[in-house]
Protein backbone atom coordinates (compact mmCIF):
# COMPACT_ATOMS: atom_id res chain seq x y z
CA MET A 1 114.24 104.47 139.90
CA SER A 2 112.50 107.58 139.17
CA LEU A 3 108.80 107.22 137.60
CA LEU A 4 109.79 109.89 135.07
CA ARG A 5 112.31 109.99 132.66
CA SER A 6 115.30 111.86 132.20
CA GLY A 7 114.90 114.57 129.10
CA GLY A 8 115.33 118.42 128.87
CA ARG A 9 112.72 119.94 130.97
CA ARG A 10 112.06 120.48 134.51
CA TRP A 11 108.31 119.13 135.96
CA GLY A 12 106.07 121.83 135.21
CA GLN A 13 107.64 123.68 132.70
CA PRO A 14 104.45 124.68 130.45
CA ARG A 15 105.01 123.62 126.58
CA ARG A 16 104.71 125.95 123.83
CA ASP A 17 103.70 123.24 121.08
CA ARG A 18 100.66 123.96 119.51
CA ALA A 19 100.28 121.83 116.72
CA HIS A 20 98.29 118.58 117.16
CA PRO A 21 99.82 115.11 116.59
CA ARG A 22 99.54 113.29 113.20
CA PHE A 23 96.44 111.43 112.85
CA ARG A 24 98.15 107.86 112.61
CA THR A 25 95.62 105.22 111.47
CA SER A 26 94.10 103.16 108.56
CA VAL A 27 92.45 103.61 105.49
CA ARG A 28 89.16 102.35 107.06
CA TRP A 29 89.33 105.68 109.56
CA TRP A 30 90.55 107.77 107.18
CA ILE A 31 87.26 107.50 105.28
CA ALA A 32 84.95 107.44 108.62
CA ALA A 33 86.17 110.60 109.08
CA ARG A 34 85.04 112.09 105.59
CA THR A 35 81.73 113.09 104.68
CA VAL A 36 80.01 110.97 101.84
CA HIS A 37 79.71 114.22 99.67
CA ALA A 38 83.60 114.70 99.92
CA LEU A 39 84.47 111.06 99.09
CA LEU A 40 82.49 111.35 96.01
CA LEU A 41 84.11 114.42 94.48
CA MET A 42 87.09 113.31 95.55
CA THR A 43 86.46 109.86 93.60
CA LEU A 44 85.23 111.73 90.46
CA GLY A 45 88.60 114.02 90.73
CA ALA A 46 90.61 110.98 90.66
CA LEU A 47 88.63 109.33 87.99
CA ALA A 48 89.04 112.75 85.79
CA VAL A 49 92.55 113.29 86.25
CA LEU A 50 93.40 109.62 85.64
CA SER A 51 91.15 109.87 82.26
CA VAL A 52 93.08 112.86 81.14
CA VAL A 53 96.66 111.37 81.89
CA VAL A 54 95.40 108.06 79.32
CA ALA A 55 93.95 110.28 76.48
CA ALA A 56 96.90 112.20 76.75
CA LEU A 57 99.15 108.64 76.43
CA TRP A 58 96.82 107.78 73.77
CA THR A 59 97.17 110.79 72.03
CA VAL A 60 101.06 110.16 72.29
CA THR A 61 101.38 106.48 71.23
CA GLU A 62 98.81 106.47 68.48
CA HIS A 63 100.03 105.59 64.90
CA SER A 64 100.28 109.21 62.55
CA GLY A 65 101.78 111.06 60.95
CA ARG A 66 101.07 114.10 62.40
CA SER A 67 103.53 115.75 64.63
CA MET A 68 102.57 116.08 68.09
CA GLY A 69 101.74 119.52 68.05
CA GLU A 70 99.03 118.74 65.62
CA ARG A 71 97.73 115.78 67.94
CA PHE A 72 97.69 118.67 70.92
CA SER A 73 96.48 121.32 68.92
CA ASN A 74 92.94 119.64 68.54
CA LYS A 75 91.39 120.54 72.01
CA GLU A 76 87.94 119.20 71.16
CA ARG A 77 88.94 115.71 70.32
CA LEU A 78 91.13 115.22 73.55
CA PHE A 79 88.32 116.81 75.59
CA ASP A 80 85.82 113.90 73.60
CA LEU A 81 88.78 111.43 74.23
CA SER A 82 89.08 112.21 77.76
CA LEU A 83 85.11 111.93 78.01
CA THR A 84 85.41 108.48 76.60
CA VAL A 85 88.10 107.34 78.82
CA LEU A 86 86.46 108.66 81.97
CA ARG A 87 83.10 106.63 80.87
CA ALA A 88 85.10 103.39 80.17
CA CYS A 89 86.85 104.09 83.41
CA VAL A 90 83.26 103.85 85.34
CA GLY A 91 82.54 101.28 83.34
CA THR A 92 79.70 102.58 80.82
CA ASP A 93 82.08 102.43 77.58
CA ASN A 94 84.83 100.88 75.91
CA LEU A 95 88.21 102.46 74.44
CA GLU A 96 88.68 100.81 71.09
CA PRO A 97 92.62 100.65 70.65
CA GLU A 98 94.46 100.12 67.76
CA ALA A 99 94.98 96.58 66.72
CA ASP A 100 98.76 97.06 66.17
CA SER A 101 99.22 98.80 69.37
CA THR A 102 100.32 97.21 72.36
CA ALA A 103 100.33 100.88 74.45
CA HIS A 104 96.89 101.28 73.39
CA GLN A 105 96.09 97.58 74.54
CA LEU A 106 97.51 98.44 77.95
CA LEU A 107 95.82 101.69 78.37
CA ALA A 108 92.38 99.99 77.25
CA THR A 109 93.06 97.39 79.84
CA LEU A 110 93.82 99.56 82.55
CA SER A 111 90.35 101.64 81.99
CA SER A 112 88.46 98.07 81.85
CA VAL A 113 89.89 97.52 85.15
CA THR A 114 89.50 100.30 86.67
CA GLY A 115 85.61 100.34 85.51
CA ALA A 116 85.42 96.94 87.36
CA MET A 117 86.67 98.10 90.70
CA VAL A 118 84.63 101.32 91.05
CA PRO A 119 81.94 99.81 91.75
CA ALA A 120 83.38 97.73 94.29
CA VAL A 121 85.21 100.55 96.05
CA LEU A 122 82.14 102.84 95.83
CA LEU A 123 80.32 99.92 97.89
CA GLY A 124 83.33 99.80 100.11
CA ILE A 125 82.88 103.11 101.22
CA VAL A 126 79.31 102.81 101.78
CA LEU A 127 79.76 99.82 104.08
CA ILE A 128 82.54 102.02 105.69
CA LYS A 129 80.31 104.70 106.40
CA LEU A 130 77.70 102.36 107.69
CA PHE A 131 79.83 100.28 109.86
CA ALA A 132 82.91 101.33 110.95
CA LEU A 133 82.20 104.00 113.52
CA ARG A 134 85.01 103.88 116.55
CA PRO A 135 85.03 107.57 117.25
CA PHE A 136 87.97 107.52 120.10
CA VAL A 137 91.95 107.80 119.26
CA TRP A 138 94.00 106.25 122.01
CA ARG A 139 97.10 107.61 123.22
CA GLN A 140 99.89 105.11 122.50
CA ARG A 141 100.95 104.00 125.48
CA ALA A 142 99.36 103.69 129.32
CA SER A 143 101.62 105.77 131.47
CA VAL A 144 102.55 104.99 134.84
CA SER A 145 103.58 107.31 137.72
CA HIS A 146 103.17 107.63 141.39
CA ALA A 147 99.33 107.90 142.92
CA TRP A 148 100.04 111.12 144.16
CA THR A 149 100.36 112.89 140.25
CA ALA A 150 96.29 111.94 139.79
CA ASP A 151 93.81 114.47 138.96
CA PHE A 152 92.21 114.20 142.02
CA PRO A 153 92.87 116.18 144.90
CA GLY A 154 91.65 114.22 147.35
CA TYR A 155 93.21 111.15 146.15
CA SER A 156 96.45 112.75 146.04
CA ARG A 157 96.35 113.97 149.26
CA ASP A 158 95.67 110.60 150.63
CA HIS A 159 98.57 109.11 148.81
CA ALA A 160 101.06 112.39 149.57
CA ASP A 161 103.03 109.83 151.39
CA SER A 162 102.53 106.83 149.48
CA GLU A 163 104.88 105.28 146.77
CA ASP A 164 102.34 103.29 145.00
CA ALA A 165 101.69 103.84 141.05
CA ILE A 166 98.97 104.46 139.35
CA ILE A 167 98.23 103.80 135.45
CA ALA A 168 96.93 106.65 133.32
CA VAL A 169 94.97 105.84 129.73
CA ARG A 170 94.02 108.49 127.72
CA PHE A 171 91.80 109.22 124.61
CA TYR A 172 89.63 111.56 122.73
CA ASN A 173 87.06 112.08 120.43
CA ARG A 174 88.02 112.38 117.07
CA PHE A 175 84.98 113.15 114.75
CA ASP A 176 83.25 116.67 114.45
CA ASN A 177 80.26 115.35 113.22
CA LEU A 178 79.44 112.56 116.21
CA SER A 179 77.90 113.74 119.18
CA VAL A 180 78.85 111.03 122.22
CA VAL A 181 77.19 111.03 125.50
CA ASP A 182 76.99 108.81 128.74
CA LEU A 183 80.84 107.44 128.01
CA ARG A 184 81.68 104.77 130.35
CA ALA A 185 84.89 103.05 130.91
CA ARG A 186 85.84 99.70 132.13
CA VAL A 187 89.05 97.84 132.93
CA HIS A 188 89.80 94.43 132.60
CA LEU A 189 93.17 92.26 133.48
CA ARG A 190 93.92 89.25 131.29
CA TYR A 191 96.52 86.86 132.26
CA LEU A 192 97.38 82.99 131.34
CA GLU A 193 98.68 80.87 134.49
CA ARG A 194 99.18 76.85 134.22
CA SER A 195 97.07 74.86 135.73
CA PRO A 196 97.89 73.22 138.82
CA HIS A 197 96.07 69.76 137.72
CA ASP A 198 97.87 69.28 133.95
CA GLY A 199 100.04 71.81 133.37
CA SER A 200 98.02 73.71 130.51
CA LEU A 201 97.71 77.01 130.28
CA VAL A 202 94.42 78.71 131.42
CA ILE A 203 92.93 82.23 130.86
CA TYR A 204 91.85 84.00 133.64
CA LYS A 205 89.96 87.56 133.88
CA GLN A 206 89.98 90.09 136.72
CA TRP A 207 87.78 93.19 136.68
CA LEU A 208 90.08 96.32 137.86
CA LYS A 209 89.09 99.14 140.17
CA VAL A 210 89.05 102.82 138.35
CA LEU A 211 89.03 106.00 139.90
CA ASP A 212 85.46 107.37 139.74
CA ALA A 213 84.35 111.34 138.81
CA ASN A 214 85.22 111.75 142.78
CA GLY A 215 88.35 110.17 142.49
CA GLU A 216 87.15 107.14 144.66
CA LEU A 217 87.42 103.49 143.64
CA ALA A 218 84.44 102.18 141.49
CA GLU A 219 83.51 99.32 139.00
CA GLU A 220 83.71 102.05 136.33
CA ARG A 221 84.12 105.61 135.55
CA THR A 222 81.54 107.29 133.42
CA TRP A 223 81.19 110.89 131.59
CA LEU A 224 78.03 112.66 131.26
CA ALA A 225 79.14 114.22 127.84
CA VAL A 226 82.14 114.04 125.61
CA GLU A 227 83.63 116.89 124.21
CA ARG A 228 84.90 117.00 120.75
CA GLY A 229 88.80 116.40 121.02
CA ALA A 230 89.05 117.13 124.65
CA PRO A 231 91.14 114.59 126.32
CA PHE A 232 89.47 111.94 128.81
CA THR A 233 91.78 110.19 131.06
CA VAL A 234 90.77 106.65 132.99
CA TRP A 235 93.13 106.22 136.37
CA ILE A 236 93.65 102.63 137.35
CA PRO A 237 95.46 102.30 140.82
CA VAL A 238 98.21 100.03 140.94
CA GLN A 239 97.94 99.47 144.50
CA ALA A 240 101.54 98.55 144.75
CA PRO A 241 104.95 100.09 143.76
CA VAL A 242 106.41 100.30 140.45
CA ALA A 243 109.94 100.40 139.89
CA GLU A 244 110.85 99.24 136.63
CA LEU A 245 108.71 97.87 134.06
CA PRO A 246 107.11 95.66 133.74
CA PHE A 247 105.65 95.80 136.96
CA ARG A 248 104.60 92.57 138.78
CA HIS A 249 101.69 93.79 140.68
CA ILE A 250 98.39 95.04 140.39
CA GLN A 251 95.73 95.61 142.66
CA GLY A 252 96.47 92.54 144.89
CA LYS A 253 97.38 89.86 142.06
CA ASP A 254 101.08 88.59 141.40
CA LEU A 255 101.80 88.52 138.08
CA SER A 256 105.29 86.67 138.51
CA GLY A 257 104.03 83.57 137.24
CA SER A 258 102.02 84.51 134.36
CA TYR A 259 101.85 84.90 131.03
CA GLY A 260 100.37 86.91 128.54
CA VAL A 261 99.18 89.62 130.70
CA LYS A 262 97.23 92.19 129.03
CA LEU A 263 95.15 95.29 130.29
CA LEU A 264 91.76 95.81 128.46
CA VAL A 265 89.89 99.35 128.48
CA ARG A 266 86.56 99.32 127.07
CA LEU A 267 84.58 102.19 126.40
CA THR A 268 81.13 102.33 125.52
CA ALA A 269 78.40 105.37 124.85
CA ARG A 270 75.34 106.51 123.10
CA THR A 271 75.31 108.81 119.90
CA VAL A 272 72.87 111.73 119.98
CA GLY A 273 70.42 111.74 117.42
CA LEU A 274 71.21 107.90 115.84
CA GLY A 275 70.35 106.79 119.37
CA THR A 276 72.65 103.63 118.77
CA GLU A 277 75.49 102.53 121.01
CA VAL A 278 79.33 102.72 120.10
CA ALA A 279 82.17 100.78 121.84
CA ASP A 280 85.89 100.67 121.64
CA GLU A 281 88.95 98.91 123.36
CA ARG A 282 92.19 99.23 123.31
CA TRP A 283 94.55 96.15 124.69
CA PHE A 284 97.62 97.20 126.27
CA ASP A 285 100.20 94.40 126.14
CA LEU A 286 102.45 94.58 129.59
CA GLU A 287 105.29 92.44 127.94
CA GLY A 288 104.69 94.36 124.83
CA GLY A 289 106.32 98.05 125.36
CA ASP A 290 102.52 99.45 126.03
CA PHE A 291 103.44 101.04 129.06
CA GLU A 292 105.87 103.68 129.98
CA LEU A 293 107.48 105.40 133.08
CA GLY A 294 106.08 108.78 133.99
CA ARG A 295 103.10 110.95 134.04
CA PHE A 296 101.98 111.99 130.44
CA VAL A 297 102.03 115.85 129.29
CA PRO A 298 98.88 117.76 129.98
CA LEU A 299 97.15 119.69 127.65
CA GLN A 300 96.33 123.66 128.42
CA PRO A 301 92.64 123.89 127.68
CA ASP A 302 91.80 126.99 126.09
CA LEU A 303 88.27 128.16 125.51
CA ASP A 304 88.99 131.02 123.33
CA LYS A 305 90.61 128.60 121.03
CA ASP A 306 89.42 125.81 118.81
CA VAL A 307 90.05 122.26 120.57
CA TRP A 308 92.94 121.36 117.78
CA ARG A 309 95.20 124.59 118.77
CA TRP A 310 95.54 123.72 122.61
CA GLU A 311 99.06 123.83 124.02
CA GLY A 312 100.44 120.54 124.04
CA TRP A 313 99.11 118.28 121.18
CA ALA A 314 102.29 117.84 119.56
CA ASP A 315 103.38 115.92 122.70
CA PHE A 316 100.12 113.96 123.42
CA ASP A 317 102.00 110.63 123.26
CA GLY A 318 104.56 112.12 125.52
CA VAL A 319 105.37 111.82 129.11
CA LEU A 320 106.86 114.84 131.12
CA GLU A 321 110.72 115.12 132.16
CA SER A 322 113.26 116.00 134.46
CA ARG A 323 116.53 116.71 134.88
CA PRO A 324 118.15 118.74 137.87
CA ASP A 325 121.38 120.55 137.43
CA ASP A 326 124.04 117.13 137.73
CA GLY A 327 121.71 115.79 134.61
CA GLU A 328 120.81 112.64 136.57
CA PRO A 329 117.24 111.93 136.86
CA ALA A 330 115.46 112.90 139.82
CA MET A 331 111.70 112.64 141.04
CA PRO A 332 109.93 116.34 141.55
CA SER A 333 109.26 117.44 144.91
CA ARG A 334 105.77 116.10 146.24
CA PRO A 335 103.00 118.75 146.59
CA ASP A 336 101.75 120.53 149.96
CA SER A 337 98.12 119.44 150.61
CA GLU A 338 97.10 123.05 150.29
CA ASP A 339 98.93 122.68 146.72
CA LEU A 340 96.23 120.05 145.47
CA THR A 341 93.52 121.80 144.47
CA ARG A 342 92.94 121.22 141.02
CA PRO A 343 89.76 120.04 139.30
CA ALA A 344 89.45 116.69 138.02
CA SER A 345 90.08 116.45 134.19
């Protein structure tokens, strides 16, 4: 079975997509990616808009013999009412609803509840900014391709005639205002097997080898500097062919009788200025669709452009595809040894 999925583009054909993929993440990440000033301004703006809306509804629902035009013609009264609602929404004032007006009672309750929640929301934002520091964005799936497709000329030449596969896990630094150095990546295999004594499941962990900066097997991969937005790849040799997913052998371990097999990639780094250590990790489930066959779509670095404008970001979560003229899937031809001169990414 080919390690490249069929599609509408040949191997090596350049992409023209320039857009960065949508940042899919939680509200916590969204808050952590913004400055405190921006968050405070957005909160104040939202409260101001809510105050104006409540003041308008308050004016519409009040018991009065005046027409709607007369009610809204008094700009000063509407402005004062909006300020009163704003103070109520931050918990420093109260609205005085009409006794027989259900609408006023609801609006006053809404303002009071908002005023009770705002301090908790602001405290949550502060805590998230202090402790929710996760600077890395992961590619959705780990790609599995032939070992000779790795970005190391020497390693590719050594495996030019091999059917062994290699796993590629990719990520990038998301934040503009966070400088990260001395990045280290380590990989563990977690699986469960039945005990030969009582048949219960036992958890096992195995430290997997990765390719270092020279394309040689090592305990970890290190990077001295981590550029903003630039993609990084952890290469994990399978040391066995992979005809289809899920694969059952990796670095000498037979997984045929194992359960709950997962791959853990853990990153640790230090921040410049803060002097603190940051860590992140990603679990890839062998049975959960976290792996795909095919080499990942590469980016096209252009130092004259901002990193988010590089070609290929739109397909950051995709794999290269190949289709010959007859429409059947096909592997790309193996590169000659003299063509394997690309620098490692």
